Amino acid sequence: MANVHDGHRARMKQKFLTNGLESFTDIEAIELLLFFAIPRRDTNELAHALLQRFHSFRGVLEAPAALLLETPGIGESAAVLISLVTALNRRYLSTARKLGEQLLDSTAAGAYLKPLYAYCREERVILLCLDSASRLLCCRTLNEGTARSVDFTVRDVVDVALRENAVRVILSHNHVSGTALPSGADNGVTAQLYQALRLVGVELADHIIVCDDDFVSMRDSGFFSRF
């Protein structure tokens, strides 16, 4: 027996192919996405429920899978599919990153780093290792934490820098909410790391803090003039 929703789904898919997602409301866009995880149910009703619970289109796409699963009618396949959207977009935004790329200043480093923090709901620490010409040798995620903090050790950074034969490194982490301004703890760990790296002949070139589409360079802000 044909699915009673087949005609509607076919029309929605054709609408997307012809006019793009710009022709869809937020409800319709989520409804269309859910087609591919929920084959035998009216997904318009579920789209309304998701938007009501998470308050916005962005809120739905960035909702943790565990919370999505608490919405009646949303099973594992739908939760995975919704979570996959932001994960794929983060991967897409990062595809332009290449080893060997020169990161000569904070503008270049910030532009390189921002896509790596897109949609992050937790703080993470990322280390960029550079050669003597500021070409990228490696990009390493050192740790991931919670929405408020992330732990890593100075030794973690030193070990990676030495293993990659880095001449200089750029430390970065994100603030999930608030601003990209460094905290007292950020200042303290930056000072410790600067001294520890100097002892092994590696320069801490910068510590960049990312928040949403903004970032702050601690070097450009004058913090490194204390050393």
N, C-alpha and C. Protein backbone atom coordinates (compact mmCIF):
# COMPACT_ATOMS: atom_id res chain seq x y z
N MET A 1 0.85 -1.19 0.00
CA MET A 1 0.00 0.00 0.00
C MET A 1 0.89 1.25 0.00
N ALA A 2 0.56 2.20 -0.82
CA ALA A 2 1.37 3.42 -0.90
C ALA A 2 1.23 4.24 0.37
N ASN A 3 2.28 4.86 0.76
CA ASN A 3 2.26 5.76 1.91
C ASN A 3 1.40 6.98 1.55
N VAL A 4 0.46 7.33 2.40
CA VAL A 4 -0.44 8.45 2.10
C VAL A 4 0.31 9.77 2.00
N HIS A 5 1.55 9.80 2.56
CA HIS A 5 2.32 11.04 2.53
C HIS A 5 3.27 11.12 1.34
N ASP A 6 3.30 10.05 0.50
CA ASP A 6 4.28 10.01 -0.59
C ASP A 6 4.16 11.20 -1.53
N GLY A 7 2.92 11.59 -1.88
CA GLY A 7 2.75 12.71 -2.80
C GLY A 7 3.28 14.00 -2.22
N HIS A 8 3.00 14.25 -0.94
CA HIS A 8 3.49 15.46 -0.28
C HIS A 8 5.01 15.45 -0.22
N ARG A 9 5.59 14.32 0.12
CA ARG A 9 7.05 14.23 0.22
C ARG A 9 7.70 14.46 -1.14
N ALA A 10 7.12 13.89 -2.18
CA ALA A 10 7.67 14.08 -3.51
C ALA A 10 7.63 15.55 -3.92
N ARG A 11 6.53 16.22 -3.58
CA ARG A 11 6.42 17.65 -3.90
C ARG A 11 7.45 18.48 -3.13
N MET A 12 7.65 18.15 -1.85
CA MET A 12 8.62 18.88 -1.03
C MET A 12 10.04 18.68 -1.58
N LYS A 13 10.37 17.46 -1.95
CA LYS A 13 11.71 17.20 -2.50
C LYS A 13 11.91 17.94 -3.81
N GLN A 14 10.89 17.95 -4.65
CA GLN A 14 11.01 18.66 -5.92
C GLN A 14 11.12 20.17 -5.69
N LYS A 15 10.40 20.67 -4.71
CA LYS A 15 10.50 22.10 -4.36
C LYS A 15 11.93 22.45 -3.97
N PHE A 16 12.56 21.58 -3.19
CA PHE A 16 13.95 21.82 -2.80
C PHE A 16 14.88 21.79 -4.01
N LEU A 17 14.71 20.79 -4.87
CA LEU A 17 15.57 20.67 -6.05
C LEU A 17 15.40 21.84 -7.00
N THR A 18 14.20 22.38 -7.06
CA THR A 18 13.92 23.47 -8.00
C THR A 18 14.27 24.84 -7.43
N ASN A 19 13.92 25.06 -6.17
CA ASN A 19 14.04 26.41 -5.60
C ASN A 19 15.04 26.54 -4.46
N GLY A 20 15.58 25.42 -3.98
CA GLY A 20 16.54 25.49 -2.89
C GLY A 20 15.87 25.65 -1.54
N LEU A 21 16.67 25.58 -0.49
CA LEU A 21 16.13 25.64 0.87
C LEU A 21 15.62 27.04 1.22
N GLU A 22 16.05 28.05 0.46
CA GLU A 22 15.61 29.42 0.72
C GLU A 22 14.10 29.56 0.56
N SER A 23 13.48 28.67 -0.19
CA SER A 23 12.04 28.74 -0.41
C SER A 23 11.24 28.06 0.70
N PHE A 24 11.93 27.50 1.70
CA PHE A 24 11.28 26.77 2.78
C PHE A 24 11.20 27.61 4.05
N THR A 25 10.13 27.43 4.79
CA THR A 25 10.10 27.95 6.15
C THR A 25 10.95 27.04 7.04
N ASP A 26 11.21 27.49 8.28
CA ASP A 26 11.98 26.65 9.20
C ASP A 26 11.26 25.32 9.45
N ILE A 27 9.94 25.39 9.60
CA ILE A 27 9.16 24.17 9.82
C ILE A 27 9.33 23.21 8.66
N GLU A 28 9.21 23.73 7.44
CA GLU A 28 9.31 22.88 6.25
C GLU A 28 10.71 22.29 6.10
N ALA A 29 11.74 23.07 6.45
CA ALA A 29 13.11 22.57 6.33
C ALA A 29 13.35 21.39 7.28
N ILE A 30 12.87 21.51 8.51
CA ILE A 30 13.03 20.41 9.47
C ILE A 30 12.17 19.22 9.05
N GLU A 31 10.96 19.51 8.55
CA GLU A 31 10.09 18.44 8.06
C GLU A 31 10.78 17.65 6.95
N LEU A 32 11.39 18.37 6.00
CA LEU A 32 12.09 17.71 4.90
C LEU A 32 13.25 16.85 5.42
N LEU A 33 14.01 17.38 6.34
CA LEU A 33 15.13 16.61 6.90
C LEU A 33 14.65 15.31 7.52
N LEU A 34 13.54 15.39 8.26
CA LEU A 34 13.04 14.21 8.96
C LEU A 34 12.49 13.15 8.02
N PHE A 35 12.16 13.53 6.77
CA PHE A 35 11.72 12.52 5.79
C PHE A 35 12.69 11.35 5.73
N PHE A 36 13.98 11.66 5.84
CA PHE A 36 15.02 10.66 5.56
C PHE A 36 15.33 9.77 6.76
N ALA A 37 14.68 10.05 7.87
CA ALA A 37 14.84 9.20 9.06
C ALA A 37 13.53 8.57 9.50
N ILE A 38 12.42 9.19 9.09
CA ILE A 38 11.09 8.73 9.53
C ILE A 38 10.23 8.52 8.28
N PRO A 39 10.17 7.30 7.76
CA PRO A 39 9.49 7.07 6.48
C PRO A 39 7.98 6.97 6.55
N ARG A 40 7.40 6.72 7.72
CA ARG A 40 5.97 6.39 7.79
C ARG A 40 5.19 7.29 8.74
N ARG A 41 5.57 8.53 8.82
CA ARG A 41 4.84 9.42 9.73
C ARG A 41 4.86 10.84 9.18
N ASP A 42 3.82 11.60 9.54
CA ASP A 42 3.76 13.01 9.16
C ASP A 42 4.81 13.77 9.97
N THR A 43 5.88 14.19 9.31
CA THR A 43 6.97 14.85 10.04
C THR A 43 6.72 16.33 10.29
N ASN A 44 5.68 16.89 9.70
CA ASN A 44 5.35 18.28 9.97
C ASN A 44 5.01 18.47 11.44
N GLU A 45 4.27 17.52 11.98
CA GLU A 45 3.91 17.57 13.40
C GLU A 45 5.16 17.53 14.29
N LEU A 46 6.09 16.66 13.92
CA LEU A 46 7.34 16.55 14.70
C LEU A 46 8.18 17.82 14.57
N ALA A 47 8.19 18.41 13.38
CA ALA A 47 8.95 19.65 13.17
C ALA A 47 8.43 20.76 14.08
N HIS A 48 7.11 20.87 14.18
CA HIS A 48 6.51 21.85 15.09
C HIS A 48 6.92 21.58 16.54
N ALA A 49 6.89 20.31 16.93
CA ALA A 49 7.25 19.96 18.31
C ALA A 49 8.70 20.30 18.62
N LEU A 50 9.59 20.04 17.67
CA LEU A 50 11.01 20.34 17.87
C LEU A 50 11.26 21.84 17.98
N LEU A 51 10.64 22.62 17.10
CA LEU A 51 10.82 24.07 17.15
C LEU A 51 10.24 24.66 18.43
N GLN A 52 9.15 24.10 18.88
CA GLN A 52 8.55 24.59 20.13
C GLN A 52 9.46 24.29 21.31
N ARG A 53 10.06 23.10 21.31
CA ARG A 53 10.90 22.72 22.44
C ARG A 53 12.23 23.45 22.45
N PHE A 54 12.85 23.59 21.28
CA PHE A 54 14.20 24.16 21.22
C PHE A 54 14.22 25.61 20.73
N HIS A 55 13.04 26.20 20.52
CA HIS A 55 12.84 27.65 20.36
C HIS A 55 13.26 28.25 19.03
N SER A 56 14.11 27.59 18.25
CA SER A 56 14.56 28.15 16.98
C SER A 56 15.10 27.05 16.08
N PHE A 57 15.26 27.37 14.81
CA PHE A 57 15.85 26.43 13.85
C PHE A 57 17.25 26.05 14.30
N ARG A 58 18.04 27.05 14.68
CA ARG A 58 19.39 26.78 15.16
C ARG A 58 19.36 25.92 16.42
N GLY A 59 18.43 26.20 17.31
CA GLY A 59 18.33 25.44 18.53
C GLY A 59 18.07 23.97 18.28
N VAL A 60 17.25 23.67 17.28
CA VAL A 60 16.98 22.26 16.94
C VAL A 60 18.26 21.59 16.44
N LEU A 61 18.95 22.24 15.51
CA LEU A 61 20.12 21.62 14.90
C LEU A 61 21.28 21.46 15.89
N GLU A 62 21.35 22.33 16.90
CA GLU A 62 22.44 22.25 17.86
C GLU A 62 22.06 21.50 19.14
N ALA A 63 20.85 21.00 19.20
CA ALA A 63 20.40 20.29 20.41
C ALA A 63 21.18 18.99 20.57
N PRO A 64 21.60 18.66 21.78
CA PRO A 64 22.27 17.37 22.02
C PRO A 64 21.34 16.22 21.67
N ALA A 65 21.92 15.14 21.17
CA ALA A 65 21.12 13.99 20.76
C ALA A 65 20.28 13.46 21.92
N ALA A 66 20.83 13.49 23.14
CA ALA A 66 20.09 12.98 24.29
C ALA A 66 18.80 13.75 24.51
N LEU A 67 18.82 15.07 24.28
CA LEU A 67 17.61 15.87 24.43
C LEU A 67 16.65 15.67 23.26
N LEU A 68 17.20 15.49 22.07
CA LEU A 68 16.33 15.21 20.92
C LEU A 68 15.54 13.94 21.15
N LEU A 69 16.20 12.94 21.72
CA LEU A 69 15.55 11.65 21.96
C LEU A 69 14.42 11.74 22.97
N GLU A 70 14.41 12.80 23.78
CA GLU A 70 13.34 12.98 24.75
C GLU A 70 12.07 13.54 24.12
N THR A 71 12.15 13.96 22.86
CA THR A 71 10.99 14.48 22.16
C THR A 71 10.17 13.31 21.61
N PRO A 72 8.91 13.18 21.98
CA PRO A 72 8.09 12.07 21.50
C PRO A 72 8.09 12.00 19.97
N GLY A 73 8.38 10.82 19.45
CA GLY A 73 8.40 10.62 18.01
C GLY A 73 9.78 10.68 17.40
N ILE A 74 10.75 11.19 18.16
CA ILE A 74 12.12 11.27 17.66
C ILE A 74 12.90 10.06 18.16
N GLY A 75 13.26 9.18 17.25
CA GLY A 75 14.04 8.00 17.59
C GLY A 75 15.51 8.22 17.32
N GLU A 76 16.29 7.15 17.45
CA GLU A 76 17.73 7.25 17.29
C GLU A 76 18.13 7.72 15.90
N SER A 77 17.48 7.20 14.87
CA SER A 77 17.84 7.59 13.50
C SER A 77 17.63 9.08 13.26
N ALA A 78 16.51 9.61 13.75
CA ALA A 78 16.24 11.04 13.58
C ALA A 78 17.21 11.89 14.38
N ALA A 79 17.52 11.46 15.61
CA ALA A 79 18.46 12.21 16.44
C ALA A 79 19.85 12.23 15.81
N VAL A 80 20.28 11.09 15.27
CA VAL A 80 21.58 11.03 14.60
C VAL A 80 21.59 11.93 13.38
N LEU A 81 20.52 11.88 12.59
CA LEU A 81 20.47 12.69 11.37
C LEU A 81 20.53 14.18 11.69
N ILE A 82 19.78 14.64 12.68
CA ILE A 82 19.80 16.06 13.04
C ILE A 82 21.18 16.46 13.54
N SER A 83 21.78 15.62 14.39
CA SER A 83 23.11 15.93 14.92
C SER A 83 24.16 15.92 13.81
N LEU A 84 23.92 15.10 12.80
CA LEU A 84 24.89 14.99 11.70
C LEU A 84 24.97 16.26 10.88
N VAL A 85 23.89 17.05 10.84
CA VAL A 85 23.89 18.26 10.02
C VAL A 85 25.00 19.21 10.44
N THR A 86 25.08 19.52 11.74
CA THR A 86 26.10 20.46 12.19
C THR A 86 27.49 19.84 12.11
N ALA A 87 27.58 18.53 12.37
CA ALA A 87 28.88 17.87 12.27
C ALA A 87 29.41 17.90 10.84
N LEU A 88 28.54 17.65 9.88
CA LEU A 88 28.95 17.71 8.48
C LEU A 88 29.32 19.13 8.06
N ASN A 89 28.56 20.10 8.55
CA ASN A 89 28.88 21.48 8.19
C ASN A 89 30.22 21.91 8.77
N ARG A 90 30.51 21.48 10.01
CA ARG A 90 31.82 21.78 10.59
C ARG A 90 32.93 21.15 9.76
N ARG A 91 32.71 19.90 9.32
CA ARG A 91 33.70 19.25 8.45
C ARG A 91 33.84 20.00 7.14
N TYR A 92 32.71 20.44 6.58
CA TYR A 92 32.73 21.19 5.33
C TYR A 92 33.51 22.49 5.47
N LEU A 93 33.24 23.23 6.56
CA LEU A 93 33.93 24.50 6.78
C LEU A 93 35.43 24.31 6.97
N SER A 94 35.81 23.11 7.40
CA SER A 94 37.22 22.86 7.70
C SER A 94 37.98 22.29 6.51
N THR A 95 37.31 22.01 5.41
CA THR A 95 37.98 21.33 4.31
C THR A 95 39.05 22.18 3.63
N ALA A 96 38.97 23.50 3.80
CA ALA A 96 39.97 24.36 3.17
C ALA A 96 41.29 24.37 3.94
N ARG A 97 41.27 23.79 5.15
CA ARG A 97 42.48 23.77 5.96
C ARG A 97 43.49 22.79 5.37
N LYS A 98 44.72 23.22 5.23
CA LYS A 98 45.73 22.34 4.66
C LYS A 98 47.02 22.45 5.47
N LEU A 99 47.68 21.30 5.63
CA LEU A 99 49.02 21.33 6.20
C LEU A 99 49.92 22.07 5.23
N GLY A 100 50.85 22.84 5.78
CA GLY A 100 51.73 23.64 4.95
C GLY A 100 51.23 25.06 4.76
N GLU A 101 49.98 25.32 5.14
CA GLU A 101 49.43 26.67 5.03
C GLU A 101 50.20 27.60 5.97
N GLN A 102 50.52 28.79 5.50
CA GLN A 102 51.23 29.76 6.34
C GLN A 102 50.24 30.55 7.19
N LEU A 103 50.55 30.58 8.48
CA LEU A 103 49.75 31.36 9.42
C LEU A 103 50.66 32.44 9.99
N LEU A 104 50.74 33.55 9.25
CA LEU A 104 51.73 34.57 9.55
C LEU A 104 51.29 35.56 10.62
N ASP A 105 49.99 35.62 10.89
CA ASP A 105 49.51 36.58 11.87
C ASP A 105 48.23 36.06 12.52
N SER A 106 47.70 36.83 13.47
CA SER A 106 46.52 36.37 14.19
C SER A 106 45.28 36.31 13.29
N THR A 107 45.22 37.17 12.29
CA THR A 107 44.09 37.15 11.37
C THR A 107 44.02 35.81 10.64
N ALA A 108 45.15 35.36 10.14
CA ALA A 108 45.20 34.07 9.44
C ALA A 108 44.93 32.92 10.39
N ALA A 109 45.51 32.98 11.57
CA ALA A 109 45.32 31.90 12.55
C ALA A 109 43.87 31.84 13.02
N GLY A 110 43.27 33.01 13.28
CA GLY A 110 41.89 33.04 13.71
C GLY A 110 40.94 32.51 12.65
N ALA A 111 41.19 32.88 11.40
CA ALA A 111 40.36 32.40 10.30
C ALA A 111 40.48 30.88 10.15
N TYR A 112 41.65 30.36 10.40
CA TYR A 112 41.87 28.92 10.33
C TYR A 112 41.16 28.19 11.46
N LEU A 113 41.17 28.79 12.64
CA LEU A 113 40.65 28.11 13.83
C LEU A 113 39.14 28.18 13.97
N LYS A 114 38.52 29.27 13.56
CA LYS A 114 37.08 29.45 13.84
C LYS A 114 36.21 28.30 13.35
N PRO A 115 36.42 27.77 12.14
CA PRO A 115 35.57 26.65 11.71
C PRO A 115 35.70 25.42 12.60
N LEU A 116 36.84 25.26 13.26
CA LEU A 116 37.05 24.09 14.10
C LEU A 116 36.20 24.13 15.37
N TYR A 117 35.70 25.32 15.70
CA TYR A 117 34.87 25.46 16.90
C TYR A 117 33.39 25.67 16.56
N ALA A 118 33.06 25.60 15.28
CA ALA A 118 31.66 25.82 14.88
C ALA A 118 30.73 24.81 15.55
N TYR A 119 29.67 25.31 16.14
CA TYR A 119 28.61 24.50 16.77
C TYR A 119 29.06 23.77 18.04
N CYS A 120 30.25 24.05 18.54
CA CYS A 120 30.73 23.34 19.73
C CYS A 120 29.88 23.71 20.95
N ARG A 121 29.42 22.71 21.66
CA ARG A 121 28.66 22.95 22.89
C ARG A 121 29.55 22.75 24.12
N GLU A 122 30.81 22.41 23.89
CA GLU A 122 31.75 22.24 24.99
C GLU A 122 33.05 22.96 24.65
N GLU A 123 33.81 23.29 25.68
CA GLU A 123 35.10 23.91 25.43
C GLU A 123 36.09 22.84 24.95
N ARG A 124 36.96 23.25 24.05
CA ARG A 124 38.01 22.34 23.59
C ARG A 124 39.30 23.13 23.41
N VAL A 125 40.41 22.43 23.48
CA VAL A 125 41.72 23.04 23.32
C VAL A 125 42.36 22.48 22.06
N ILE A 126 42.80 23.38 21.17
CA ILE A 126 43.43 22.98 19.91
C ILE A 126 44.81 23.62 19.84
N LEU A 127 45.79 22.84 19.42
CA LEU A 127 47.17 23.33 19.28
C LEU A 127 47.58 23.28 17.82
N LEU A 128 48.11 24.40 17.33
CA LEU A 128 48.69 24.47 15.99
C LEU A 128 50.20 24.47 16.11
N CYS A 129 50.87 23.55 15.44
CA CYS A 129 52.33 23.49 15.44
C CYS A 129 52.85 24.04 14.11
N LEU A 130 53.82 24.93 14.18
CA LEU A 130 54.33 25.62 13.00
C LEU A 130 55.84 25.42 12.87
N ASP A 131 56.33 25.53 11.62
CA ASP A 131 57.77 25.48 11.40
C ASP A 131 58.35 26.89 11.45
N SER A 132 59.60 27.03 11.07
CA SER A 132 60.27 28.33 11.18
C SER A 132 59.69 29.38 10.25
N ALA A 133 58.98 28.95 9.22
CA ALA A 133 58.35 29.89 8.29
C ALA A 133 56.86 30.05 8.59
N SER A 134 56.44 29.60 9.78
CA SER A 134 55.04 29.67 10.21
C SER A 134 54.11 28.84 9.34
N ARG A 135 54.65 27.79 8.72
CA ARG A 135 53.81 26.84 7.98
C ARG A 135 53.27 25.79 8.95
N LEU A 136 52.04 25.40 8.72
CA LEU A 136 51.37 24.48 9.63
C LEU A 136 51.93 23.06 9.49
N LEU A 137 52.39 22.53 10.61
CA LEU A 137 52.89 21.15 10.67
C LEU A 137 51.80 20.19 11.12
N CYS A 138 51.00 20.61 12.07
CA CYS A 138 49.89 19.77 12.53
C CYS A 138 48.88 20.61 13.29
N CYS A 139 47.68 20.10 13.35
CA CYS A 139 46.58 20.71 14.12
C CYS A 139 46.05 19.62 15.03
N ARG A 140 46.18 19.79 16.33
CA ARG A 140 45.86 18.71 17.26
C ARG A 140 44.87 19.18 18.32
N THR A 141 43.76 18.45 18.47
CA THR A 141 42.84 18.70 19.57
C THR A 141 43.40 18.02 20.81
N LEU A 142 43.71 18.81 21.84
CA LEU A 142 44.34 18.27 23.04
C LEU A 142 43.32 17.70 24.01
N ASN A 143 42.15 18.34 24.08
CA ASN A 143 41.13 17.82 25.00
C ASN A 143 39.81 18.54 24.75
N GLU A 144 38.73 17.91 25.21
CA GLU A 144 37.40 18.51 25.20
C GLU A 144 36.85 18.42 26.61
N GLY A 145 36.07 19.45 27.00
CA GLY A 145 35.58 19.49 28.37
C GLY A 145 34.08 19.67 28.43
N THR A 146 33.67 20.64 29.23
CA THR A 146 32.25 20.94 29.41
C THR A 146 31.96 22.31 28.81
N ALA A 147 30.74 22.78 29.00
CA ALA A 147 30.37 24.09 28.49
C ALA A 147 31.08 25.21 29.23
N ARG A 148 31.69 24.91 30.38
CA ARG A 148 32.32 25.96 31.19
C ARG A 148 33.83 25.84 31.30
N SER A 149 34.38 24.66 31.06
CA SER A 149 35.81 24.50 31.26
C SER A 149 36.34 23.32 30.48
N VAL A 150 37.65 23.31 30.31
CA VAL A 150 38.35 22.18 29.70
C VAL A 150 39.73 22.10 30.33
N ASP A 151 40.17 20.89 30.62
CA ASP A 151 41.47 20.70 31.27
C ASP A 151 42.50 20.20 30.27
N PHE A 152 43.72 20.69 30.43
CA PHE A 152 44.86 20.15 29.71
C PHE A 152 46.09 20.53 30.52
N THR A 153 47.21 19.89 30.25
CA THR A 153 48.41 20.19 31.00
C THR A 153 49.45 20.85 30.10
N VAL A 154 50.33 21.59 30.73
CA VAL A 154 51.45 22.20 30.00
C VAL A 154 52.27 21.11 29.33
N ARG A 155 52.42 19.98 30.02
CA ARG A 155 53.20 18.89 29.46
C ARG A 155 52.58 18.36 28.17
N ASP A 156 51.23 18.34 28.10
CA ASP A 156 50.56 17.91 26.86
C ASP A 156 51.04 18.74 25.68
N VAL A 157 51.10 20.05 25.88
CA VAL A 157 51.50 20.96 24.81
C VAL A 157 52.96 20.76 24.45
N VAL A 158 53.80 20.69 25.45
CA VAL A 158 55.25 20.53 25.22
C VAL A 158 55.52 19.22 24.48
N ASP A 159 54.86 18.14 24.90
CA ASP A 159 55.09 16.84 24.25
C ASP A 159 54.72 16.87 22.77
N VAL A 160 53.56 17.47 22.46
CA VAL A 160 53.14 17.54 21.05
C VAL A 160 54.09 18.41 20.25
N ALA A 161 54.49 19.55 20.81
CA ALA A 161 55.40 20.47 20.10
C ALA A 161 56.72 19.79 19.77
N LEU A 162 57.27 19.06 20.73
CA LEU A 162 58.55 18.38 20.50
C LEU A 162 58.39 17.22 19.52
N ARG A 163 57.31 16.48 19.64
CA ARG A 163 57.09 15.34 18.75
C ARG A 163 56.93 15.78 17.30
N GLU A 164 56.35 16.97 17.09
CA GLU A 164 56.12 17.47 15.74
C GLU A 164 57.27 18.36 15.24
N ASN A 165 58.32 18.48 16.04
CA ASN A 165 59.47 19.33 15.68
C ASN A 165 59.05 20.77 15.39
N ALA A 166 58.14 21.27 16.20
CA ALA A 166 57.64 22.62 16.00
C ALA A 166 58.66 23.67 16.44
N VAL A 167 58.74 24.75 15.70
CA VAL A 167 59.56 25.90 16.10
C VAL A 167 58.72 26.86 16.93
N ARG A 168 57.45 26.96 16.59
CA ARG A 168 56.51 27.78 17.35
C ARG A 168 55.15 27.11 17.35
N VAL A 169 54.34 27.46 18.32
CA VAL A 169 52.99 26.89 18.41
C VAL A 169 52.00 28.00 18.70
N ILE A 170 50.76 27.75 18.33
CA ILE A 170 49.64 28.62 18.67
C ILE A 170 48.65 27.78 19.47
N LEU A 171 48.41 28.18 20.70
CA LEU A 171 47.40 27.52 21.52
C LEU A 171 46.06 28.21 21.27
N SER A 172 45.00 27.44 21.30
CA SER A 172 43.68 28.06 21.18
C SER A 172 42.67 27.27 22.00
N HIS A 173 41.64 27.97 22.43
CA HIS A 173 40.48 27.30 23.02
C HIS A 173 39.27 28.20 22.80
N ASN A 174 38.11 27.69 23.10
CA ASN A 174 36.89 28.45 22.86
C ASN A 174 36.15 28.73 24.16
N HIS A 175 35.38 29.80 24.14
CA HIS A 175 34.41 30.10 25.19
C HIS A 175 33.03 29.81 24.59
N VAL A 176 32.29 28.93 25.20
CA VAL A 176 31.00 28.52 24.65
C VAL A 176 29.97 29.64 24.73
N SER A 177 30.05 30.45 25.76
CA SER A 177 29.14 31.58 25.89
C SER A 177 29.92 32.78 26.41
N GLY A 178 29.29 33.95 26.36
CA GLY A 178 29.96 35.15 26.85
C GLY A 178 30.75 35.81 25.75
N THR A 179 32.02 36.09 26.03
CA THR A 179 32.88 36.78 25.07
C THR A 179 34.18 36.01 24.91
N ALA A 180 34.96 36.45 23.94
CA ALA A 180 36.26 35.83 23.69
C ALA A 180 37.37 36.42 24.56
N LEU A 181 37.02 37.29 25.48
CA LEU A 181 38.04 37.91 26.33
C LEU A 181 38.67 36.88 27.27
N PRO A 182 40.00 36.90 27.45
CA PRO A 182 40.66 35.92 28.32
C PRO A 182 40.29 36.11 29.79
N SER A 183 40.18 35.00 30.50
CA SER A 183 39.92 35.02 31.93
C SER A 183 41.23 35.05 32.69
N GLY A 184 41.14 35.18 34.00
CA GLY A 184 42.33 35.10 34.83
C GLY A 184 43.04 33.77 34.67
N ALA A 185 42.26 32.68 34.57
CA ALA A 185 42.85 31.35 34.37
C ALA A 185 43.55 31.27 33.02
N ASP A 186 42.97 31.89 32.00
CA ASP A 186 43.61 31.91 30.68
C ASP A 186 44.95 32.63 30.74
N ASN A 187 44.99 33.74 31.46
CA ASN A 187 46.25 34.48 31.61
C ASN A 187 47.31 33.62 32.31
N GLY A 188 46.89 32.92 33.36
CA GLY A 188 47.83 32.12 34.13
C GLY A 188 48.42 30.98 33.34
N VAL A 189 47.59 30.24 32.63
CA VAL A 189 48.10 29.10 31.88
C VAL A 189 48.96 29.55 30.71
N THR A 190 48.63 30.70 30.13
CA THR A 190 49.44 31.23 29.02
C THR A 190 50.84 31.56 29.51
N ALA A 191 50.95 32.19 30.65
CA ALA A 191 52.26 32.53 31.21
C ALA A 191 53.06 31.27 31.52
N GLN A 192 52.43 30.27 32.12
CA GLN A 192 53.13 29.02 32.44
C GLN A 192 53.62 28.32 31.16
N LEU A 193 52.75 28.30 30.18
CA LEU A 193 53.10 27.62 28.94
C LEU A 193 54.21 28.33 28.19
N TYR A 194 54.18 29.65 28.20
CA TYR A 194 55.22 30.43 27.53
C TYR A 194 56.59 30.08 28.10
N GLN A 195 56.69 30.04 29.42
CA GLN A 195 57.96 29.74 30.07
C GLN A 195 58.39 28.30 29.82
N ALA A 196 57.46 27.36 29.90
CA ALA A 196 57.80 25.95 29.72
C ALA A 196 58.28 25.68 28.30
N LEU A 197 57.63 26.26 27.31
CA LEU A 197 58.05 26.07 25.93
C LEU A 197 59.40 26.71 25.65
N ARG A 198 59.63 27.87 26.26
CA ARG A 198 60.91 28.55 26.04
C ARG A 198 62.07 27.69 26.52
N LEU A 199 61.86 26.94 27.58
CA LEU A 199 62.92 26.07 28.12
C LEU A 199 63.33 24.98 27.14
N VAL A 200 62.41 24.58 26.24
CA VAL A 200 62.75 23.53 25.27
C VAL A 200 62.94 24.11 23.87
N GLY A 201 63.06 25.43 23.77
CA GLY A 201 63.38 26.07 22.50
C GLY A 201 62.23 26.23 21.54
N VAL A 202 61.00 26.25 22.07
CA VAL A 202 59.81 26.44 21.23
C VAL A 202 59.13 27.74 21.63
N GLU A 203 58.70 28.52 20.65
CA GLU A 203 58.03 29.80 20.91
C GLU A 203 56.53 29.62 21.00
N LEU A 204 55.92 30.17 22.04
CA LEU A 204 54.46 30.28 22.07
C LEU A 204 54.12 31.54 21.30
N ALA A 205 53.68 31.37 20.05
CA ALA A 205 53.44 32.52 19.18
C ALA A 205 52.18 33.27 19.54
N ASP A 206 51.17 32.56 20.08
CA ASP A 206 49.92 33.23 20.42
C ASP A 206 49.04 32.27 21.21
N HIS A 207 48.06 32.84 21.88
CA HIS A 207 46.97 32.08 22.48
C HIS A 207 45.71 32.77 21.99
N ILE A 208 44.94 32.06 21.19
CA ILE A 208 43.76 32.62 20.56
C ILE A 208 42.51 32.03 21.20
N ILE A 209 41.59 32.90 21.59
CA ILE A 209 40.34 32.48 22.22
C ILE A 209 39.19 32.78 21.25
N VAL A 210 38.39 31.77 20.97
CA VAL A 210 37.30 31.88 20.01
C VAL A 210 35.96 31.83 20.73
N CYS A 211 35.04 32.70 20.33
CA CYS A 211 33.67 32.65 20.85
C CYS A 211 32.73 33.00 19.72
N ASP A 212 31.91 32.04 19.31
CA ASP A 212 31.03 32.21 18.16
C ASP A 212 31.84 32.64 16.94
N ASP A 213 31.53 33.80 16.36
CA ASP A 213 32.25 34.23 15.16
C ASP A 213 33.34 35.25 15.48
N ASP A 214 33.69 35.36 16.75
CA ASP A 214 34.69 36.33 17.19
C ASP A 214 35.90 35.59 17.77
N PHE A 215 37.05 36.24 17.76
CA PHE A 215 38.21 35.68 18.43
C PHE A 215 39.09 36.80 18.95
N VAL A 216 39.87 36.48 19.97
CA VAL A 216 40.81 37.43 20.55
C VAL A 216 42.19 36.82 20.56
N SER A 217 43.16 37.56 20.07
CA SER A 217 44.57 37.16 20.13
C SER A 217 45.19 37.77 21.38
N MET A 218 45.71 36.91 22.25
CA MET A 218 46.34 37.43 23.47
C MET A 218 47.64 38.16 23.15
N ARG A 219 48.30 37.78 22.06
CA ARG A 219 49.51 38.52 21.65
C ARG A 219 49.14 39.92 21.18
N ASP A 220 48.14 40.01 20.31
CA ASP A 220 47.72 41.31 19.81
C ASP A 220 47.17 42.19 20.91
N SER A 221 46.62 41.56 21.96
CA SER A 221 46.05 42.32 23.07
C SER A 221 47.14 42.87 24.02
N GLY A 222 48.39 42.50 23.79
CA GLY A 222 49.48 43.03 24.59
C GLY A 222 49.93 42.15 25.73
N PHE A 223 49.28 41.00 25.93
CA PHE A 223 49.62 40.16 27.07
C PHE A 223 51.06 39.67 27.00
N PHE A 224 51.55 39.37 25.79
CA PHE A 224 52.88 38.79 25.64
C PHE A 224 53.98 39.81 25.92
N SER A 225 53.65 41.09 25.98
CA SER A 225 54.66 42.10 26.30
C SER A 225 55.15 41.99 27.74
N ARG A 226 54.46 41.19 28.56
CA ARG A 226 54.88 41.00 29.94
C ARG A 226 56.09 40.08 30.05
N PHE A 227 56.34 39.31 29.01
CA PHE A 227 57.40 38.31 29.10
C PHE A 227 58.76 38.89 28.68
